[in-house]
Amino acid sequence: MVRLGGETIFGENSPWLGLAFVLAVPLLLTSMYLTRLVTRLDWHEFVGPMGIMTFSAVFLDGLVLAWYHPLYAASYEVALHGAAWILWGGGMGLFWAWFFEWRKQAKA
């Protein structure tokens, strides 16, 4: 997504940068839903798998952004904003997994 959006979305003065963060939420929830269908887990069972997926993504993205950032973007600026977007998405994924678990426990 970072390479696809490039300077247009992840540039310093891009008016689309904020929108990219907002649109990450439905993209993330769709990904979580598809993962849930494949794994056949209920929403409240999703914290552990989401933690593993987030760890894997952040770990690999961190390695690539540190040593092979041209895979994401030609400029450090775009790579930096892309990294922030990736980390924010990871945090949002963990938040939603926690929320679904909390909601299930609150109803019990």
N, C-alpha and C. Protein backbone atom coordinates (compact mmCIF):
# COMPACT_ATOMS: atom_id res chain seq x y z
N MET A 1 0.82 -1.19 0.00
CA MET A 1 0.00 0.00 0.00
C MET A 1 0.86 1.26 0.00
N VAL A 2 1.98 1.22 0.71
CA VAL A 2 2.85 2.39 0.77
C VAL A 2 3.43 2.68 -0.61
N ARG A 3 3.90 1.64 -1.27
CA ARG A 3 4.47 1.83 -2.60
C ARG A 3 3.39 2.28 -3.58
N LEU A 4 2.22 1.74 -3.46
CA LEU A 4 1.12 2.11 -4.34
C LEU A 4 0.70 3.57 -4.13
N GLY A 5 0.59 3.99 -2.88
CA GLY A 5 0.20 5.37 -2.58
C GLY A 5 1.29 6.36 -2.88
N GLY A 6 2.53 5.97 -2.62
CA GLY A 6 3.68 6.81 -2.93
C GLY A 6 3.60 8.22 -2.39
N GLU A 7 4.22 9.12 -3.10
CA GLU A 7 4.29 10.54 -2.72
C GLU A 7 2.90 11.18 -2.67
N THR A 8 2.00 10.71 -3.51
CA THR A 8 0.66 11.30 -3.57
C THR A 8 -0.06 11.17 -2.23
N ILE A 9 0.03 10.01 -1.60
CA ILE A 9 -0.67 9.79 -0.33
C ILE A 9 0.24 9.99 0.87
N PHE A 10 1.47 9.49 0.80
CA PHE A 10 2.34 9.49 1.97
C PHE A 10 3.40 10.58 1.94
N GLY A 11 3.25 11.57 1.07
CA GLY A 11 4.17 12.70 1.02
C GLY A 11 3.96 13.67 2.17
N GLU A 12 4.94 14.52 2.41
CA GLU A 12 4.93 15.47 3.53
C GLU A 12 3.68 16.36 3.55
N ASN A 13 3.33 16.95 2.43
CA ASN A 13 2.21 17.89 2.38
C ASN A 13 0.97 17.31 1.70
N SER A 14 0.85 16.01 1.73
CA SER A 14 -0.26 15.36 1.06
C SER A 14 -1.58 15.60 1.80
N PRO A 15 -2.59 16.07 1.09
CA PRO A 15 -3.89 16.21 1.73
C PRO A 15 -4.56 14.85 1.96
N TRP A 16 -4.02 13.80 1.37
CA TRP A 16 -4.61 12.46 1.46
C TRP A 16 -4.07 11.64 2.63
N LEU A 17 -3.04 12.12 3.30
CA LEU A 17 -2.41 11.33 4.37
C LEU A 17 -3.39 11.02 5.49
N GLY A 18 -4.12 12.01 5.96
CA GLY A 18 -5.11 11.78 7.01
C GLY A 18 -6.19 10.81 6.58
N LEU A 19 -6.62 10.95 5.34
CA LEU A 19 -7.64 10.04 4.81
C LEU A 19 -7.13 8.61 4.76
N ALA A 20 -5.83 8.44 4.47
CA ALA A 20 -5.25 7.09 4.45
C ALA A 20 -5.36 6.44 5.82
N PHE A 21 -5.13 7.22 6.88
CA PHE A 21 -5.26 6.67 8.23
C PHE A 21 -6.71 6.30 8.54
N VAL A 22 -7.64 7.14 8.13
CA VAL A 22 -9.06 6.86 8.37
C VAL A 22 -9.50 5.62 7.58
N LEU A 23 -9.11 5.55 6.31
CA LEU A 23 -9.54 4.42 5.48
C LEU A 23 -8.86 3.11 5.86
N ALA A 24 -7.80 3.19 6.66
CA ALA A 24 -7.15 1.97 7.13
C ALA A 24 -8.09 1.15 8.02
N VAL A 25 -9.00 1.82 8.71
CA VAL A 25 -9.90 1.11 9.63
C VAL A 25 -10.83 0.14 8.89
N PRO A 26 -11.58 0.58 7.86
CA PRO A 26 -12.41 -0.41 7.16
C PRO A 26 -11.58 -1.47 6.44
N LEU A 27 -10.42 -1.09 5.95
CA LEU A 27 -9.53 -2.06 5.31
C LEU A 27 -9.09 -3.11 6.33
N LEU A 28 -8.73 -2.65 7.51
CA LEU A 28 -8.31 -3.54 8.59
C LEU A 28 -9.44 -4.45 9.04
N LEU A 29 -10.63 -3.89 9.24
CA LEU A 29 -11.77 -4.70 9.69
C LEU A 29 -12.16 -5.73 8.64
N THR A 30 -12.04 -5.38 7.36
CA THR A 30 -12.30 -6.34 6.29
C THR A 30 -11.28 -7.47 6.33
N SER A 31 -10.01 -7.13 6.53
CA SER A 31 -8.96 -8.15 6.64
C SER A 31 -9.21 -9.06 7.84
N MET A 32 -9.62 -8.46 8.95
CA MET A 32 -9.91 -9.26 10.14
C MET A 32 -11.10 -10.19 9.88
N TYR A 33 -12.10 -9.69 9.20
CA TYR A 33 -13.28 -10.51 8.90
C TYR A 33 -12.90 -11.70 8.01
N LEU A 34 -12.10 -11.44 6.98
CA LEU A 34 -11.68 -12.53 6.09
C LEU A 34 -10.82 -13.55 6.83
N THR A 35 -9.94 -13.07 7.70
CA THR A 35 -9.12 -13.97 8.51
C THR A 35 -10.00 -14.79 9.43
N ARG A 36 -11.00 -14.15 9.98
CA ARG A 36 -11.94 -14.85 10.86
C ARG A 36 -12.67 -15.96 10.11
N LEU A 37 -13.06 -15.71 8.87
CA LEU A 37 -13.73 -16.73 8.07
C LEU A 37 -12.80 -17.91 7.80
N VAL A 38 -11.56 -17.63 7.48
CA VAL A 38 -10.59 -18.69 7.18
C VAL A 38 -10.28 -19.51 8.43
N THR A 39 -10.11 -18.84 9.56
CA THR A 39 -9.72 -19.54 10.79
C THR A 39 -10.92 -20.12 11.53
N ARG A 40 -12.14 -19.68 11.17
CA ARG A 40 -13.37 -20.12 11.82
C ARG A 40 -13.40 -19.81 13.32
N LEU A 41 -12.79 -18.70 13.66
CA LEU A 41 -12.82 -18.24 15.04
C LEU A 41 -13.95 -17.23 15.23
N ASP A 42 -14.46 -17.17 16.44
CA ASP A 42 -15.43 -16.15 16.77
C ASP A 42 -14.65 -14.85 17.06
N TRP A 43 -15.35 -13.72 17.00
CA TRP A 43 -14.66 -12.44 17.22
C TRP A 43 -13.95 -12.39 18.57
N HIS A 44 -14.56 -12.96 19.59
CA HIS A 44 -13.96 -12.86 20.92
C HIS A 44 -12.74 -13.77 21.08
N GLU A 45 -12.44 -14.61 20.11
CA GLU A 45 -11.28 -15.49 20.16
C GLU A 45 -10.11 -14.93 19.34
N PHE A 46 -10.18 -13.68 18.98
CA PHE A 46 -9.29 -13.12 17.98
C PHE A 46 -8.05 -12.42 18.54
N VAL A 47 -7.96 -12.21 19.84
CA VAL A 47 -6.83 -11.45 20.39
C VAL A 47 -5.50 -12.15 20.12
N GLY A 48 -5.41 -13.43 20.40
CA GLY A 48 -4.15 -14.17 20.18
C GLY A 48 -3.72 -14.19 18.72
N PRO A 49 -4.60 -14.62 17.80
CA PRO A 49 -4.22 -14.60 16.39
C PRO A 49 -3.87 -13.20 15.87
N MET A 50 -4.60 -12.19 16.34
CA MET A 50 -4.30 -10.82 15.89
C MET A 50 -2.94 -10.38 16.41
N GLY A 51 -2.60 -10.78 17.62
CA GLY A 51 -1.28 -10.48 18.15
C GLY A 51 -0.17 -11.11 17.32
N ILE A 52 -0.38 -12.35 16.92
CA ILE A 52 0.63 -13.04 16.09
C ILE A 52 0.73 -12.38 14.72
N MET A 53 -0.42 -12.04 14.11
CA MET A 53 -0.39 -11.38 12.79
C MET A 53 0.28 -10.01 12.88
N THR A 54 -0.04 -9.26 13.93
CA THR A 54 0.54 -7.93 14.09
C THR A 54 2.03 -8.02 14.34
N PHE A 55 2.44 -8.95 15.21
CA PHE A 55 3.87 -9.14 15.46
C PHE A 55 4.60 -9.46 14.16
N SER A 56 4.07 -10.38 13.39
CA SER A 56 4.72 -10.78 12.14
C SER A 56 4.83 -9.61 11.18
N ALA A 57 3.74 -8.88 11.00
CA ALA A 57 3.74 -7.76 10.06
C ALA A 57 4.68 -6.65 10.50
N VAL A 58 4.61 -6.26 11.77
CA VAL A 58 5.47 -5.18 12.26
C VAL A 58 6.93 -5.60 12.24
N PHE A 59 7.21 -6.82 12.60
CA PHE A 59 8.59 -7.34 12.58
C PHE A 59 9.16 -7.30 11.16
N LEU A 60 8.43 -7.84 10.21
CA LEU A 60 8.93 -7.89 8.83
C LEU A 60 8.97 -6.51 8.19
N ASP A 61 7.94 -5.69 8.42
CA ASP A 61 7.95 -4.34 7.89
C ASP A 61 9.11 -3.53 8.47
N GLY A 62 9.38 -3.72 9.76
CA GLY A 62 10.51 -3.02 10.38
C GLY A 62 11.83 -3.39 9.75
N LEU A 63 12.03 -4.67 9.49
CA LEU A 63 13.28 -5.10 8.84
C LEU A 63 13.40 -4.49 7.44
N VAL A 64 12.33 -4.58 6.69
CA VAL A 64 12.38 -4.07 5.31
C VAL A 64 12.55 -2.55 5.30
N LEU A 65 11.83 -1.84 6.15
CA LEU A 65 11.94 -0.39 6.17
C LEU A 65 13.32 0.08 6.64
N ALA A 66 13.95 -0.68 7.51
CA ALA A 66 15.28 -0.28 8.01
C ALA A 66 16.37 -0.51 6.97
N TRP A 67 16.32 -1.64 6.27
CA TRP A 67 17.44 -1.99 5.39
C TRP A 67 17.10 -2.00 3.91
N TYR A 68 15.83 -2.10 3.57
CA TYR A 68 15.45 -2.19 2.15
C TYR A 68 14.30 -1.25 1.84
N HIS A 69 14.33 -0.04 2.41
CA HIS A 69 13.20 0.87 2.25
C HIS A 69 12.81 1.15 0.80
N PRO A 70 13.71 1.03 -0.19
CA PRO A 70 13.25 1.25 -1.57
C PRO A 70 12.14 0.28 -2.01
N LEU A 71 11.98 -0.83 -1.31
CA LEU A 71 10.85 -1.71 -1.63
C LEU A 71 9.51 -1.02 -1.33
N TYR A 72 9.54 -0.08 -0.37
CA TYR A 72 8.33 0.66 -0.01
C TYR A 72 8.24 1.99 -0.73
N ALA A 73 9.35 2.70 -0.78
CA ALA A 73 9.34 4.04 -1.39
C ALA A 73 10.76 4.47 -1.72
N ALA A 74 10.87 5.33 -2.71
CA ALA A 74 12.19 5.83 -3.10
C ALA A 74 12.73 6.83 -2.08
N SER A 75 11.84 7.57 -1.43
CA SER A 75 12.31 8.59 -0.48
C SER A 75 12.07 8.14 0.96
N TYR A 76 12.95 8.60 1.84
CA TYR A 76 12.79 8.30 3.27
C TYR A 76 11.51 8.92 3.82
N GLU A 77 11.16 10.09 3.32
CA GLU A 77 9.96 10.77 3.80
C GLU A 77 8.71 9.93 3.58
N VAL A 78 8.55 9.41 2.39
CA VAL A 78 7.40 8.58 2.07
C VAL A 78 7.46 7.28 2.88
N ALA A 79 8.65 6.70 3.00
CA ALA A 79 8.81 5.48 3.79
C ALA A 79 8.47 5.74 5.26
N LEU A 80 8.85 6.91 5.78
CA LEU A 80 8.55 7.26 7.18
C LEU A 80 7.04 7.36 7.41
N HIS A 81 6.35 8.09 6.53
CA HIS A 81 4.90 8.19 6.69
C HIS A 81 4.23 6.84 6.48
N GLY A 82 4.76 6.05 5.57
CA GLY A 82 4.22 4.70 5.36
C GLY A 82 4.43 3.83 6.58
N ALA A 83 5.60 3.95 7.21
CA ALA A 83 5.87 3.18 8.43
C ALA A 83 4.92 3.59 9.54
N ALA A 84 4.66 4.89 9.66
CA ALA A 84 3.72 5.36 10.68
C ALA A 84 2.33 4.78 10.42
N TRP A 85 1.93 4.73 9.16
CA TRP A 85 0.63 4.18 8.78
C TRP A 85 0.56 2.69 9.11
N ILE A 86 1.64 1.97 8.83
CA ILE A 86 1.70 0.53 9.13
C ILE A 86 1.60 0.30 10.63
N LEU A 87 2.36 1.05 11.41
CA LEU A 87 2.32 0.89 12.87
C LEU A 87 0.94 1.26 13.43
N TRP A 88 0.36 2.31 12.92
CA TRP A 88 -0.97 2.72 13.37
C TRP A 88 -1.99 1.62 13.05
N GLY A 89 -1.88 1.04 11.86
CA GLY A 89 -2.77 -0.05 11.49
C GLY A 89 -2.61 -1.25 12.41
N GLY A 90 -1.37 -1.56 12.77
CA GLY A 90 -1.12 -2.65 13.71
C GLY A 90 -1.75 -2.38 15.07
N GLY A 91 -1.60 -1.16 15.53
CA GLY A 91 -2.22 -0.78 16.80
C GLY A 91 -3.74 -0.83 16.74
N MET A 92 -4.30 -0.39 15.63
CA MET A 92 -5.75 -0.45 15.47
C MET A 92 -6.24 -1.89 15.43
N GLY A 93 -5.49 -2.77 14.78
CA GLY A 93 -5.86 -4.18 14.74
C GLY A 93 -5.90 -4.78 16.13
N LEU A 94 -4.89 -4.47 16.93
CA LEU A 94 -4.87 -4.98 18.31
C LEU A 94 -6.01 -4.37 19.12
N PHE A 95 -6.28 -3.08 18.90
CA PHE A 95 -7.39 -2.44 19.61
C PHE A 95 -8.70 -3.14 19.29
N TRP A 96 -9.00 -3.37 18.00
CA TRP A 96 -10.27 -3.99 17.64
C TRP A 96 -10.37 -5.42 18.16
N ALA A 97 -9.28 -6.16 18.13
CA ALA A 97 -9.30 -7.52 18.67
C ALA A 97 -9.61 -7.47 20.17
N TRP A 98 -8.97 -6.55 20.88
CA TRP A 98 -9.25 -6.39 22.31
C TRP A 98 -10.70 -5.97 22.52
N PHE A 99 -11.21 -5.04 21.72
CA PHE A 99 -12.57 -4.55 21.86
C PHE A 99 -13.59 -5.67 21.71
N PHE A 100 -13.41 -6.52 20.70
CA PHE A 100 -14.35 -7.62 20.50
C PHE A 100 -14.30 -8.60 21.68
N GLU A 101 -13.11 -8.83 22.23
CA GLU A 101 -12.98 -9.69 23.41
C GLU A 101 -13.67 -9.05 24.61
N TRP A 102 -13.44 -7.77 24.82
CA TRP A 102 -14.04 -7.04 25.93
C TRP A 102 -15.56 -7.03 25.82
N ARG A 103 -16.07 -6.81 24.61
CA ARG A 103 -17.51 -6.77 24.40
C ARG A 103 -18.16 -8.11 24.75
N LYS A 104 -17.51 -9.19 24.38
CA LYS A 104 -18.03 -10.53 24.69
C LYS A 104 -18.07 -10.74 26.21
N GLN A 105 -16.99 -10.33 26.89
CA GLN A 105 -16.94 -10.49 28.35
C GLN A 105 -17.95 -9.58 29.04
N ALA A 106 -18.18 -8.40 28.50
CA ALA A 106 -19.13 -7.47 29.11
C ALA A 106 -20.56 -8.00 29.01
N LYS A 107 -20.85 -8.74 27.95
CA LYS A 107 -22.18 -9.30 27.78
C LYS A 107 -22.42 -10.52 28.67
N ALA A 108 -21.34 -11.18 29.07
CA ALA A 108 -21.47 -12.40 29.87
C ALA A 108 -21.87 -12.13 31.30
